[in-house]
Every structure is written in C-alpha cells, then in structure tokens.
Amino acid sequence: MEWIILLLAIAAFMYFRTKTTKGVKNISTNDLKNMLDDKSKQLIDVRTPGEYKTHHIVQFQNIPLDQLPSKVNKLDANREIIVICQSGMRSARAASILSKAGFTSVYNVKGGMNRWA
C-alpha cells in the first residue's frame, strides 16, 4: 500500500513539474537558434549575474528571477518574449510570472544553458 501512495505522489509531482502554464510555449535550443536574430523578440536570461557573466548568449539581457517582478513593467507585453536559465526551472517560473502579468506570447527554453552548450 505504501508503494502505491509513493508511486502516485511521484506521478503527481512529475505531472505538475512538466505541466506548461497557459500562454507559455516550451521550445528547444534548436528552436531558439532559429529565433535569435529576430529583433522583435525580447530575450531574457533569468540566472544570477554571476552565472550570466560566466557564460551567456550575447543577445540576451540579464534580469535575475528574483528581480523580474519589479522589472516586468519595463518589458513590452505586446512583444514575444523568450526566457532562459541554467536548466529550464527558473525560466519556467519566470514564464509563469510573465504570463500572469499579461504577456501572451512567452517562450521557455527547455534545458536552458545546459542544453545550449
């Protein structure tokens, strides 16, 4: 019986971990490569300044996740926005924040910089 409860808990965790927020599309790093030169898109790296300084994609602006709520009003909600982090977890949270703030076209890079390298 305990195993069944444990399996159900793991299944629920995995479902909610991979569930996409409404209005957010997950993209691969290959998709990102095809979008990088589109100047109409806003490109945000939500890692810490130290992580960003170590290695980043030149076109991306650094707005750490903990600063995003206070800086969201400086972004254009009418333009597409792509968010990236190290693994895809923080950028998924950032994408959710942006979606809840009224951004309608938000892209999260699956696997983040780990998959980019």
PDB file of N, CA and C in Angstrom:
ATOM      1  N   MET A   1       0.821  -1.200   0.000  1.00  0.00           N
ATOM      2  CA  MET A   1       0.000   0.000   0.000  1.00  0.00           C
ATOM      3  C   MET A   1       0.868   1.269   0.000  1.00  0.00           C
ATOM      4  N   GLU A   2       1.938   1.248   0.789  1.00  0.00           N
ATOM      5  CA  GLU A   2       2.822   2.413   0.850  1.00  0.00           C
ATOM      6  C   GLU A   2       3.461   2.695  -0.504  1.00  0.00           C
ATOM      7  N   TRP A   3       3.764   1.611  -1.249  1.00  0.00           N
ATOM      8  CA  TRP A   3       4.373   1.769  -2.573  1.00  0.00           C
ATOM      9  C   TRP A   3       3.414   2.452  -3.533  1.00  0.00           C
ATOM     10  N   ILE A   4       2.150   2.122  -3.451  1.00  0.00           N
ATOM     11  CA  ILE A   4       1.148   2.729  -4.329  1.00  0.00           C
ATOM     12  C   ILE A   4       1.044   4.220  -4.052  1.00  0.00           C
ATOM     13  N   ILE A   5       1.022   4.589  -2.787  1.00  0.00           N
ATOM     14  CA  ILE A   5       0.952   6.011  -2.415  1.00  0.00           C
ATOM     15  C   ILE A   5       2.204   6.738  -2.899  1.00  0.00           C
ATOM     16  N   LEU A   6       3.354   6.109  -2.719  1.00  0.00           N
ATOM     17  CA  LEU A   6       4.609   6.706  -3.178  1.00  0.00           C
ATOM     18  C   LEU A   6       4.607   6.890  -4.694  1.00  0.00           C
ATOM     19  N   LEU A   7       4.159   5.886  -5.428  1.00  0.00           N
ATOM     20  CA  LEU A   7       4.092   5.984  -6.892  1.00  0.00           C
ATOM     21  C   LEU A   7       3.121   7.070  -7.340  1.00  0.00           C
ATOM     22  N   LEU A   8       1.979   7.175  -6.672  1.00  0.00           N
ATOM     23  CA  LEU A   8       1.012   8.230  -7.011  1.00  0.00           C
ATOM     24  C   LEU A   8       1.593   9.615  -6.727  1.00  0.00           C
ATOM     25  N   ALA A   9       2.310   9.738  -5.623  1.00  0.00           N
ATOM     26  CA  ALA A   9       2.936  11.020  -5.294  1.00  0.00           C
ATOM     27  C   ALA A   9       3.987  11.403  -6.328  1.00  0.00           C
ATOM     28  N   ILE A  10       4.786  10.443  -6.747  1.00  0.00           N
ATOM     29  CA  ILE A  10       5.809  10.710  -7.770  1.00  0.00           C
ATOM     30  C   ILE A  10       5.143  11.080  -9.091  1.00  0.00           C
ATOM     31  N   ALA A  11       4.098  10.365  -9.461  1.00  0.00           N
ATOM     32  CA  ALA A  11       3.387  10.657 -10.710  1.00  0.00           C
ATOM     33  C   ALA A  11       2.790  12.059 -10.674  1.00  0.00           C
ATOM     34  N   ALA A  12       2.184  12.436  -9.550  1.00  0.00           N
ATOM     35  CA  ALA A  12       1.603  13.778  -9.422  1.00  0.00           C
ATOM     36  C   ALA A  12       2.684  14.845  -9.507  1.00  0.00           C
ATOM     37  N   PHE A  13       3.808  14.597  -8.835  1.00  0.00           N
ATOM     38  CA  PHE A  13       4.917  15.547  -8.877  1.00  0.00           C
ATOM     39  C   PHE A  13       5.409  15.743 -10.310  1.00  0.00           C
ATOM     40  N   MET A  14       5.610  14.663 -11.034  1.00  0.00           N
ATOM     41  CA  MET A  14       6.096  14.749 -12.415  1.00  0.00           C
ATOM     42  C   MET A  14       5.087  15.452 -13.315  1.00  0.00           C
ATOM     43  N   TYR A  15       3.809  15.196 -13.118  1.00  0.00           N
ATOM     44  CA  TYR A  15       2.778  15.855 -13.928  1.00  0.00           C
ATOM     45  C   TYR A  15       2.827  17.362 -13.729  1.00  0.00           C
ATOM     46  N   PHE A  16       2.823  17.807 -12.478  1.00  0.00           N
ATOM     47  CA  PHE A  16       2.805  19.239 -12.223  1.00  0.00           C
ATOM     48  C   PHE A  16       4.135  19.901 -12.546  1.00  0.00           C
ATOM     49  N   ARG A  17       5.216  19.167 -12.482  1.00  0.00           N
ATOM     50  CA  ARG A  17       6.534  19.718 -12.829  1.00  0.00           C
ATOM     51  C   ARG A  17       6.646  19.988 -14.328  1.00  0.00           C
ATOM     52  N   THR A  18       6.012  19.159 -15.134  1.00  0.00           N
ATOM     53  CA  THR A  18       6.134  19.307 -16.586  1.00  0.00           C
ATOM     54  C   THR A  18       4.948  20.023 -17.215  1.00  0.00           C
ATOM     55  N   LYS A  19       3.927  20.308 -16.427  1.00  0.00           N
ATOM     56  CA  LYS A  19       2.746  20.986 -16.949  1.00  0.00           C
ATOM     57  C   LYS A  19       3.117  22.413 -17.357  1.00  0.00           C
ATOM     58  N   THR A  20       2.694  22.808 -18.539  1.00  0.00           N
ATOM     59  CA  THR A  20       3.007  24.128 -19.062  1.00  0.00           C
ATOM     60  C   THR A  20       1.953  25.139 -18.611  1.00  0.00           C
ATOM     61  N   THR A  21       2.402  26.321 -18.216  1.00  0.00           N
ATOM     62  CA  THR A  21       1.495  27.397 -17.857  1.00  0.00           C
ATOM     63  C   THR A  21       0.778  27.880 -19.109  1.00  0.00           C
ATOM     64  N   LYS A  22      -0.493  28.221 -18.970  1.00  0.00           N
ATOM     65  CA  LYS A  22      -1.270  28.708 -20.108  1.00  0.00           C
ATOM     66  C   LYS A  22      -0.582  29.933 -20.719  1.00  0.00           C
ATOM     67  N   GLY A  23      -0.443  29.920 -22.033  1.00  0.00           N
ATOM     68  CA  GLY A  23       0.194  31.034 -22.733  1.00  0.00           C
ATOM     69  C   GLY A  23       1.704  30.900 -22.868  1.00  0.00           C
ATOM     70  N   VAL A  24       2.275  29.854 -22.293  1.00  0.00           N
ATOM     71  CA  VAL A  24       3.719  29.635 -22.349  1.00  0.00           C
ATOM     72  C   VAL A  24       4.002  28.434 -23.232  1.00  0.00           C
ATOM     73  N   LYS A  25       4.935  28.614 -24.172  1.00  0.00           N
ATOM     74  CA  LYS A  25       5.349  27.509 -25.032  1.00  0.00           C
ATOM     75  C   LYS A  25       6.779  27.134 -24.682  1.00  0.00           C
ATOM     76  N   ASN A  26       7.023  25.841 -24.536  1.00  0.00           N
ATOM     77  CA  ASN A  26       8.394  25.361 -24.339  1.00  0.00           C
ATOM     78  C   ASN A  26       9.033  25.166 -25.702  1.00  0.00           C
ATOM     79  N   ILE A  27      10.263  25.655 -25.835  1.00  0.00           N
ATOM     80  CA  ILE A  27      10.998  25.489 -27.086  1.00  0.00           C
ATOM     81  C   ILE A  27      12.344  24.834 -26.802  1.00  0.00           C
ATOM     82  N   SER A  28      12.906  24.217 -27.812  1.00  0.00           N
ATOM     83  CA  SER A  28      14.230  23.600 -27.686  1.00  0.00           C
ATOM     84  C   SER A  28      15.311  24.634 -27.980  1.00  0.00           C
ATOM     85  N   THR A  29      16.547  24.271 -27.704  1.00  0.00           N
ATOM     86  CA  THR A  29      17.655  25.169 -28.040  1.00  0.00           C
ATOM     87  C   THR A  29      17.799  25.289 -29.557  1.00  0.00           C
ATOM     88  N   ASN A  30      17.414  24.254 -30.297  1.00  0.00           N
ATOM     89  CA  ASN A  30      17.432  24.359 -31.764  1.00  0.00           C
ATOM     90  C   ASN A  30      16.407  25.381 -32.236  1.00  0.00           C
ATOM     91  N   ASP A  31      15.212  25.381 -31.620  1.00  0.00           N
ATOM     92  CA  ASP A  31      14.207  26.394 -31.946  1.00  0.00           C
ATOM     93  C   ASP A  31      14.760  27.783 -31.643  1.00  0.00           C
ATOM     94  N   LEU A  32      15.424  27.908 -30.495  1.00  0.00           N
ATOM     95  CA  LEU A  32      15.996  29.191 -30.089  1.00  0.00           C
ATOM     96  C   LEU A  32      17.001  29.688 -31.120  1.00  0.00           C
ATOM     97  N   LYS A  33      17.843  28.811 -31.626  1.00  0.00           N
ATOM     98  CA  LYS A  33      18.841  29.218 -32.623  1.00  0.00           C
ATOM     99  C   LYS A  33      18.175  29.861 -33.834  1.00  0.00           C
ATOM    100  N   ASN A  34      17.002  29.362 -34.209  1.00  0.00           N
ATOM    101  CA  ASN A  34      16.280  29.920 -35.352  1.00  0.00           C
ATOM    102  C   ASN A  34      15.584  31.238 -35.033  1.00  0.00           C
ATOM    103  N   MET A  35      15.460  31.574 -33.747  1.00  0.00           N
ATOM    104  CA  MET A  35      14.746  32.783 -33.343  1.00  0.00           C
ATOM    105  C   MET A  35      15.676  33.918 -32.910  1.00  0.00           C
ATOM    106  N   LEU A  36      16.943  33.623 -32.697  1.00  0.00           N
ATOM    107  CA  LEU A  36      17.871  34.593 -32.104  1.00  0.00           C
ATOM    108  C   LEU A  36      18.010  35.897 -32.872  1.00  0.00           C
ATOM    109  N   ASP A  37      17.969  35.854 -34.161  1.00  0.00           N
ATOM    110  CA  ASP A  37      18.203  37.061 -34.950  1.00  0.00           C
ATOM    111  C   ASP A  37      16.951  37.892 -35.165  1.00  0.00           C
ATOM    112  N   ASP A  38      15.820  37.454 -34.623  1.00  0.00           N
ATOM    113  CA  ASP A  38      14.565  38.196 -34.743  1.00  0.00           C
ATOM    114  C   ASP A  38      14.554  39.326 -33.721  1.00  0.00           C
ATOM    115  N   LYS A  39      14.808  40.535 -34.177  1.00  0.00           N
ATOM    116  CA  LYS A  39      14.936  41.702 -33.298  1.00  0.00           C
ATOM    117  C   LYS A  39      13.619  42.088 -32.623  1.00  0.00           C
ATOM    118  N   SER A  40      12.504  41.531 -33.095  1.00  0.00           N
ATOM    119  CA  SER A  40      11.221  41.881 -32.482  1.00  0.00           C
ATOM    120  C   SER A  40      10.993  41.138 -31.163  1.00  0.00           C
ATOM    121  N   LYS A  41      11.794  40.129 -30.886  1.00  0.00           N
ATOM    122  CA  LYS A  41      11.626  39.340 -29.667  1.00  0.00           C
ATOM    123  C   LYS A  41      12.464  39.917 -28.521  1.00  0.00           C
ATOM    124  N   GLN A  42      11.929  39.793 -27.320  1.00  0.00           N
ATOM    125  CA  GLN A  42      12.655  40.175 -26.116  1.00  0.00           C
ATOM    126  C   GLN A  42      13.310  38.913 -25.569  1.00  0.00           C
ATOM    127  N   LEU A  43      14.589  38.969 -25.271  1.00  0.00           N
ATOM    128  CA  LEU A  43      15.351  37.802 -24.834  1.00  0.00           C
ATOM    129  C   LEU A  43      15.876  38.052 -23.424  1.00  0.00           C
ATOM    130  N   ILE A  44      15.392  37.257 -22.468  1.00  0.00           N
ATOM    131  CA  ILE A  44      15.711  37.487 -21.058  1.00  0.00           C
ATOM    132  C   ILE A  44      16.356  36.245 -20.451  1.00  0.00           C
ATOM    133  N   ASP A  45      17.507  36.443 -19.823  1.00  0.00           N
ATOM    134  CA  ASP A  45      18.227  35.404 -19.090  1.00  0.00           C
ATOM    135  C   ASP A  45      17.967  35.665 -17.605  1.00  0.00           C
ATOM    136  N   VAL A  46      17.301  34.731 -16.912  1.00  0.00           N
ATOM    137  CA  VAL A  46      16.891  34.967 -15.527  1.00  0.00           C
ATOM    138  C   VAL A  46      17.858  34.374 -14.494  1.00  0.00           C
ATOM    139  N   ARG A  47      19.062  34.010 -14.931  1.00  0.00           N
ATOM    140  CA  ARG A  47      20.061  33.494 -13.995  1.00  0.00           C
ATOM    141  C   ARG A  47      20.650  34.641 -13.171  1.00  0.00           C
ATOM    142  N   THR A  48      21.440  34.294 -12.183  1.00  0.00           N
ATOM    143  CA  THR A  48      22.110  35.302 -11.359  1.00  0.00           C
ATOM    144  C   THR A  48      23.139  36.053 -12.215  1.00  0.00           C
ATOM    145  N   PRO A  49      23.519  37.266 -11.802  1.00  0.00           N
ATOM    146  CA  PRO A  49      24.555  37.990 -12.548  1.00  0.00           C
ATOM    147  C   PRO A  49      25.859  37.201 -12.678  1.00  0.00           C
ATOM    148  N   GLY A  50      26.225  36.451 -11.645  1.00  0.00           N
ATOM    149  CA  GLY A  50      27.453  35.650 -11.708  1.00  0.00           C
ATOM    150  C   GLY A  50      27.372  34.549 -12.753  1.00  0.00           C
ATOM    151  N   GLU A  51      26.235  33.866 -12.811  1.00  0.00           N
ATOM    152  CA  GLU A  51      26.044  32.825 -13.825  1.00  0.00           C
ATOM    153  C   GLU A  51      26.063  33.436 -15.218  1.00  0.00           C
ATOM    154  N   TYR A  52      25.383  34.563 -15.364  1.00  0.00           N
ATOM    155  CA  TYR A  52      25.300  35.253 -16.655  1.00  0.00           C
ATOM    156  C   TYR A  52      26.699  35.688 -17.108  1.00  0.00           C
ATOM    157  N   LYS A  53      27.472  36.243 -16.186  1.00  0.00           N
ATOM    158  CA  LYS A  53      28.806  36.728 -16.524  1.00  0.00           C
ATOM    159  C   LYS A  53      29.723  35.590 -16.975  1.00  0.00           C
ATOM    160  N   THR A  54      29.574  34.420 -16.366  1.00  0.00           N
ATOM    161  CA  THR A  54      30.410  33.274 -16.698  1.00  0.00           C
ATOM    162  C   THR A  54      30.204  32.809 -18.132  1.00  0.00           C
ATOM    163  N   HIS A  55      28.928  32.748 -18.555  1.00  0.00           N
ATOM    164  CA  HIS A  55      28.615  32.271 -19.901  1.00  0.00           C
ATOM    165  C   HIS A  55      27.194  32.674 -20.235  1.00  0.00           C
ATOM    166  N   HIS A  56      27.019  33.397 -21.346  1.00  0.00           N
ATOM    167  CA  HIS A  56      25.668  33.779 -21.756  1.00  0.00           C
ATOM    168  C   HIS A  56      25.588  33.911 -23.274  1.00  0.00           C
ATOM    169  N   ILE A  57      24.365  33.961 -23.745  1.00  0.00           N
ATOM    170  CA  ILE A  57      24.114  34.200 -25.169  1.00  0.00           C
ATOM    171  C   ILE A  57      24.042  35.712 -25.341  1.00  0.00           C
ATOM    172  N   VAL A  58      24.842  36.238 -26.250  1.00  0.00           N
ATOM    173  CA  VAL A  58      25.036  37.679 -26.398  1.00  0.00           C
ATOM    174  C   VAL A  58      23.726  38.457 -26.524  1.00  0.00           C
ATOM    175  N   GLN A  59      22.763  37.936 -27.236  1.00  0.00           N
ATOM    176  CA  GLN A  59      21.523  38.662 -27.486  1.00  0.00           C
ATOM    177  C   GLN A  59      20.622  38.781 -26.247  1.00  0.00           C
ATOM    178  N   PHE A  60      20.904  38.016 -25.195  1.00  0.00           N
ATOM    179  CA  PHE A  60      20.044  38.000 -24.018  1.00  0.00           C
ATOM    180  C   PHE A  60      20.422  39.074 -23.009  1.00  0.00           C
ATOM    181  N   GLN A  61      19.399  39.684 -22.426  1.00  0.00           N
ATOM    182  CA  GLN A  61      19.529  40.661 -21.352  1.00  0.00           C
ATOM    183  C   GLN A  61      19.374  39.913 -20.030  1.00  0.00           C
ATOM    184  N   ASN A  62      20.179  40.249 -19.038  1.00  0.00           N
ATOM    185  CA  ASN A  62      20.098  39.572 -17.743  1.00  0.00           C
ATOM    186  C   ASN A  62      19.142  40.302 -16.805  1.00  0.00           C
ATOM    187  N   ILE A  63      18.064  39.626 -16.442  1.00  0.00           N
ATOM    188  CA  ILE A  63      17.162  40.083 -15.387  1.00  0.00           C
ATOM    189  C   ILE A  63      16.972  38.879 -14.463  1.00  0.00           C
ATOM    190  N   PRO A  64      17.700  38.830 -13.345  1.00  0.00           N
ATOM    191  CA  PRO A  64      17.592  37.674 -12.447  1.00  0.00           C
ATOM    192  C   PRO A  64      16.141  37.435 -12.009  1.00  0.00           C
ATOM    193  N   LEU A  65      15.808  36.185 -11.807  1.00  0.00           N
ATOM    194  CA  LEU A  65      14.439  35.806 -11.463  1.00  0.00           C
ATOM    195  C   LEU A  65      13.910  36.589 -10.269  1.00  0.00           C
ATOM    196  N   ASP A  66      14.723  36.783  -9.242  1.00  0.00           N
ATOM    197  CA  ASP A  66      14.246  37.492  -8.056  1.00  0.00           C
ATOM    198  C   ASP A  66      13.975  38.969  -8.310  1.00  0.00           C
ATOM    199  N   GLN A  67      14.475  39.517  -9.414  1.00  0.00           N
ATOM    200  CA  GLN A  67      14.224  40.917  -9.762  1.00  0.00           C
ATOM    201  C   GLN A  67      13.123  41.074 -10.809  1.00  0.00           C
ATOM    202  N   LEU A  68      12.708  39.977 -11.425  1.00  0.00           N
ATOM    203  CA  LEU A  68      11.735  40.045 -12.513  1.00  0.00           C
ATOM    204  C   LEU A  68      10.420  40.712 -12.117  1.00  0.00           C
ATOM    205  N   PRO A  69       9.815  40.363 -10.983  1.00  0.00           N
ATOM    206  CA  PRO A  69       8.535  41.015 -10.651  1.00  0.00           C
ATOM    207  C   PRO A  69       8.615  42.539 -10.590  1.00  0.00           C
ATOM    208  N   SER A  70       9.737  43.078 -10.134  1.00  0.00           N
ATOM    209  CA  SER A  70       9.872  44.535 -10.046  1.00  0.00           C
ATOM    210  C   SER A  70      10.267  45.180 -11.374  1.00  0.00           C
ATOM    211  N   LYS A  71      10.698  44.377 -12.343  1.00  0.00           N
ATOM    212  CA  LYS A  71      11.126  44.919 -13.634  1.00  0.00           C
ATOM    213  C   LYS A  71      10.194  44.549 -14.776  1.00  0.00           C
ATOM    214  N   VAL A  72       9.144  43.789 -14.486  1.00  0.00           N
ATOM    215  CA  VAL A  72       8.249  43.323 -15.540  1.00  0.00           C
ATOM    216  C   VAL A  72       7.600  44.494 -16.288  1.00  0.00           C
ATOM    217  N   ASN A  73       7.388  45.608 -15.595  1.00  0.00           N
ATOM    218  CA  ASN A  73       6.762  46.776 -16.240  1.00  0.00           C
ATOM    219  C   ASN A  73       7.688  47.465 -17.236  1.00  0.00           C
ATOM    220  N   LYS A  74       8.965  47.124 -17.258  1.00  0.00           N
ATOM    221  CA  LYS A  74       9.910  47.693 -18.226  1.00  0.00           C
ATOM    222  C   LYS A  74       9.953  46.873 -19.520  1.00  0.00           C
ATOM    223  N   LEU A  75       9.242  45.749 -19.533  1.00  0.00           N
ATOM    224  CA  LEU A  75       9.181  44.897 -20.715  1.00  0.00           C
ATOM    225  C   LEU A  75       7.882  45.158 -21.460  1.00  0.00           C
ATOM    226  N   ASP A  76       7.871  44.880 -22.752  1.00  0.00           N
ATOM    227  CA  ASP A  76       6.706  45.123 -23.589  1.00  0.00           C
ATOM    228  C   ASP A  76       5.836  43.868 -23.672  1.00  0.00           C
ATOM    229  N   ALA A  77       4.671  43.910 -23.045  1.00  0.00           N
ATOM    230  CA  ALA A  77       3.764  42.757 -23.004  1.00  0.00           C
ATOM    231  C   ALA A  77       3.193  42.422 -24.376  1.00  0.00           C
ATOM    232  N   ASN A  78       3.327  43.317 -25.346  1.00  0.00           N
ATOM    233  CA  ASN A  78       2.798  43.080 -26.689  1.00  0.00           C
ATOM    234  C   ASN A  78       3.802  42.405 -27.618  1.00  0.00           C
ATOM    235  N   ARG A  79       5.029  42.242 -27.142  1.00  0.00           N
ATOM    236  CA  ARG A  79       6.061  41.575 -27.947  1.00  0.00           C
ATOM    237  C   ARG A  79       6.325  40.179 -27.409  1.00  0.00           C
ATOM    238  N   GLU A  80       6.743  39.285 -28.294  1.00  0.00           N
ATOM    239  CA  GLU A  80       7.117  37.944 -27.872  1.00  0.00           C
ATOM    240  C   GLU A  80       8.335  38.028 -26.954  1.00  0.00           C
ATOM    241  N   ILE A  81       8.373  37.137 -25.986  1.00  0.00           N
ATOM    242  CA  ILE A  81       9.481  37.128 -25.037  1.00  0.00           C
ATOM    243  C   ILE A  81       9.971  35.697 -24.840  1.00  0.00           C
ATOM    244  N   ILE A  82      11.285  35.537 -24.838  1.00  0.00           N
ATOM    245  CA  ILE A  82      11.923  34.235 -24.640  1.00  0.00           C
ATOM    246  C   ILE A  82      12.732  34.314 -23.360  1.00  0.00           C
ATOM    247  N   VAL A  83      12.536  33.324 -22.470  1.00  0.00           N
ATOM    248  CA  VAL A  83      13.286  33.300 -21.214  1.00  0.00           C
ATOM    249  C   VAL A  83      14.137  32.038 -21.142  1.00  0.00           C
ATOM    250  N   ILE A  84      15.322  32.196 -20.549  1.00  0.00           N
ATOM    251  CA  ILE A  84      16.264  31.084 -20.396  1.00  0.00           C
ATOM    252  C   ILE A  84      16.912  31.179 -19.029  1.00  0.00           C
ATOM    253  N   CYS A  85      17.334  30.035 -18.502  1.00  0.00           N
ATOM    254  CA  CYS A  85      18.122  29.985 -17.270  1.00  0.00           C
ATOM    255  C   CYS A  85      19.160  28.876 -17.445  1.00  0.00           C
ATOM    256  N   GLN A  86      19.624  28.284 -16.367  1.00  0.00           N
ATOM    257  CA  GLN A  86      20.638  27.244 -16.492  1.00  0.00           C
ATOM    258  C   GLN A  86      20.042  25.906 -16.931  1.00  0.00           C
ATOM    259  N   SER A  87      18.887  25.544 -16.337  1.00  0.00           N
ATOM    260  CA  SER A  87      18.321  24.217 -16.622  1.00  0.00           C
ATOM    261  C   SER A  87      16.894  24.231 -17.161  1.00  0.00           C
ATOM    262  N   GLY A  88      16.226  25.360 -17.066  1.00  0.00           N
ATOM    263  CA  GLY A  88      14.835  25.444 -17.506  1.00  0.00           C
ATOM    264  C   GLY A  88      13.841  25.597 -16.370  1.00  0.00           C
ATOM    265  N   MET A  89      14.269  25.406 -15.147  1.00  0.00           N
ATOM    266  CA  MET A  89      13.375  25.502 -13.996  1.00  0.00           C
ATOM    267  C   MET A  89      13.050  26.956 -13.654  1.00  0.00           C
ATOM    268  N   ARG A  90      14.060  27.791 -13.489  1.00  0.00           N
ATOM    269  CA  ARG A  90      13.810  29.203 -13.157  1.00  0.00           C
ATOM    270  C   ARG A  90      13.134  29.916 -14.310  1.00  0.00           C
ATOM    271  N   SER A  91      13.514  29.572 -15.538  1.00  0.00           N
ATOM    272  CA  SER A  91      12.870  30.229 -16.678  1.00  0.00           C
ATOM    273  C   SER A  91      11.403  29.820 -16.783  1.00  0.00           C
ATOM    274  N   ALA A  92      11.058  28.610 -16.356  1.00  0.00           N
ATOM    275  CA  ALA A  92       9.650  28.197 -16.329  1.00  0.00           C
ATOM    276  C   ALA A  92       8.888  29.045 -15.315  1.00  0.00           C
ATOM    277  N   ARG A  93       9.499  29.309 -14.166  1.00  0.00           N
ATOM    278  CA  ARG A  93       8.852  30.183 -13.170  1.00  0.00           C
ATOM    279  C   ARG A  93       8.739  31.605 -13.715  1.00  0.00           C
ATOM    280  N   ALA A  94       9.789  32.072 -14.384  1.00  0.00           N
ATOM    281  CA  ALA A  94       9.753  33.415 -14.980  1.00  0.00           C
ATOM    282  C   ALA A  94       8.655  33.502 -16.031  1.00  0.00           C
ATOM    283  N   ALA A  95       8.525  32.469 -16.842  1.00  0.00           N
ATOM    284  CA  ALA A  95       7.486  32.448 -17.872  1.00  0.00           C
ATOM    285  C   ALA A  95       6.107  32.517 -17.244  1.00  0.00           C
ATOM    286  N   SER A  96       5.924  31.835 -16.133  1.00  0.00           N
ATOM    287  CA  SER A  96       4.655  31.877 -15.412  1.00  0.00           C
ATOM    288  C   SER A  96       4.378  33.282 -14.879  1.00  0.00           C
ATOM    289  N   ILE A  97       5.386  33.918 -14.323  1.00  0.00           N
ATOM    290  CA  ILE A  97       5.251  35.293 -13.823  1.00  0.00           C
ATOM    291  C   ILE A  97       4.840  36.221 -14.958  1.00  0.00           C
ATOM    292  N   LEU A  98       5.505  36.086 -16.101  1.00  0.00           N
ATOM    293  CA  LEU A  98       5.208  36.939 -17.254  1.00  0.00           C
ATOM    294  C   LEU A  98       3.798  36.684 -17.781  1.00  0.00           C
ATOM    295  N   SER A  99       3.409  35.433 -17.852  1.00  0.00           N
ATOM    296  CA  SER A  99       2.066  35.087 -18.324  1.00  0.00           C
ATOM    297  C   SER A  99       1.006  35.693 -17.415  1.00  0.00           C
ATOM    298  N   LYS A 100       1.208  35.581 -16.111  1.00  0.00           N
ATOM    299  CA  LYS A 100       0.255  36.146 -15.140  1.00  0.00           C
ATOM    300  C   LYS A 100       0.242  37.660 -15.186  1.00  0.00           C
ATOM    301  N   ALA A 101       1.325  38.271 -15.668  1.00  0.00           N
ATOM    302  CA  ALA A 101       1.410  39.729 -15.784  1.00  0.00           C
ATOM    303  C   ALA A 101       0.799  40.238 -17.088  1.00  0.00           C
ATOM    304  N   GLY A 102       0.279  39.330 -17.913  1.00  0.00           N
ATOM    305  CA  GLY A 102      -0.396  39.745 -19.132  1.00  0.00           C
ATOM    306  C   GLY A 102       0.353  39.523 -20.426  1.00  0.00           C
ATOM    307  N   PHE A 103       1.532  38.948 -20.356  1.00  0.00           N
ATOM    308  CA  PHE A 103       2.278  38.631 -21.570  1.00  0.00           C
ATOM    309  C   PHE A 103       1.593  37.433 -22.228  1.00  0.00           C
ATOM    310  N   THR A 104       1.307  37.546 -23.511  1.00  0.00           N
ATOM    311  CA  THR A 104       0.542  36.498 -24.183  1.00  0.00           C
ATOM    312  C   THR A 104       1.383  35.568 -25.043  1.00  0.00           C
ATOM    313  N   SER A 105       2.615  35.960 -25.326  1.00  0.00           N
ATOM    314  CA  SER A 105       3.475  35.136 -26.169  1.00  0.00           C
ATOM    315  C   SER A 105       4.825  34.954 -25.471  1.00  0.00           C
ATOM    316  N   VAL A 106       4.885  33.921 -24.622  1.00  0.00           N
ATOM    317  CA  VAL A 106       6.066  33.674 -23.804  1.00  0.00           C
ATOM    318  C   VAL A 106       6.648  32.305 -24.169  1.00  0.00           C
ATOM    319  N   TYR A 107       7.956  32.269 -24.373  1.00  0.00           N
ATOM    320  CA  TYR A 107       8.656  31.027 -24.717  1.00  0.00           C
ATOM    321  C   TYR A 107       9.669  30.708 -23.633  1.00  0.00           C
ATOM    322  N   ASN A 108       9.671  29.465 -23.178  1.00  0.00           N
ATOM    323  CA  ASN A 108      10.634  28.975 -22.202  1.00  0.00           C
ATOM    324  C   ASN A 108      11.584  28.006 -22.906  1.00  0.00           C
ATOM    325  N   VAL A 109      12.876  28.202 -22.752  1.00  0.00           N
ATOM    326  CA  VAL A 109      13.863  27.327 -23.386  1.00  0.00           C
ATOM    327  C   VAL A 109      14.074  26.096 -22.506  1.00  0.00           C
ATOM    328  N   LYS A 110      13.604  24.953 -22.983  1.00  0.00           N
ATOM    329  CA  LYS A 110      13.749  23.687 -22.248  1.00  0.00           C
ATOM    330  C   LYS A 110      15.223  23.320 -22.124  1.00  0.00           C
ATOM    331  N   GLY A 111      15.636  22.982 -20.927  1.00  0.00           N
ATOM    332  CA  GLY A 111      17.025  22.564 -20.716  1.00  0.00           C
ATOM    333  C   GLY A 111      17.985  23.713 -20.542  1.00  0.00           C
ATOM    334  N   GLY A 112      17.555  24.928 -20.856  1.00  0.00           N
ATOM    335  CA  GLY A 112      18.352  26.128 -20.641  1.00  0.00           C
ATOM    336  C   GLY A 112      19.760  26.081 -21.204  1.00  0.00           C
ATOM    337  N   MET A 113      20.651  26.754 -20.493  1.00  0.00           N
ATOM    338  CA  MET A 113      22.040  26.845 -20.943  1.00  0.00           C
ATOM    339  C   MET A 113      22.737  25.487 -20.902  1.00  0.00           C
ATOM    340  N   ASN A 114      22.238  24.577 -20.061  1.00  0.00           N
ATOM    341  CA  ASN A 114      22.829  23.229 -20.042  1.00  0.00           C
ATOM    342  C   ASN A 114      22.710  22.559 -21.407  1.00  0.00           C
ATOM    343  N   ARG A 115      21.618  22.796 -22.090  1.00  0.00           N
ATOM    344  CA  ARG A 115      21.415  22.193 -23.416  1.00  0.00           C
ATOM    345  C   ARG A 115      22.026  23.043 -24.523  1.00  0.00           C
ATOM    346  N   TRP A 116      22.243  24.318 -24.244  1.00  0.00           N
ATOM    347  CA  TRP A 116      22.806  25.224 -25.250  1.00  0.00           C
ATOM    348  C   TRP A 116      24.269  24.881 -25.500  1.00  0.00           C
ATOM    349  N   ALA A 117      24.994  24.606 -24.452  1.00  0.00           N
ATOM    350  CA  ALA A 117      26.443  24.399 -24.540  1.00  0.00           C
ATOM    351  C   ALA A 117      26.841  23.193 -25.338  1.00  0.00           C
TER     352      ALA A 117
END
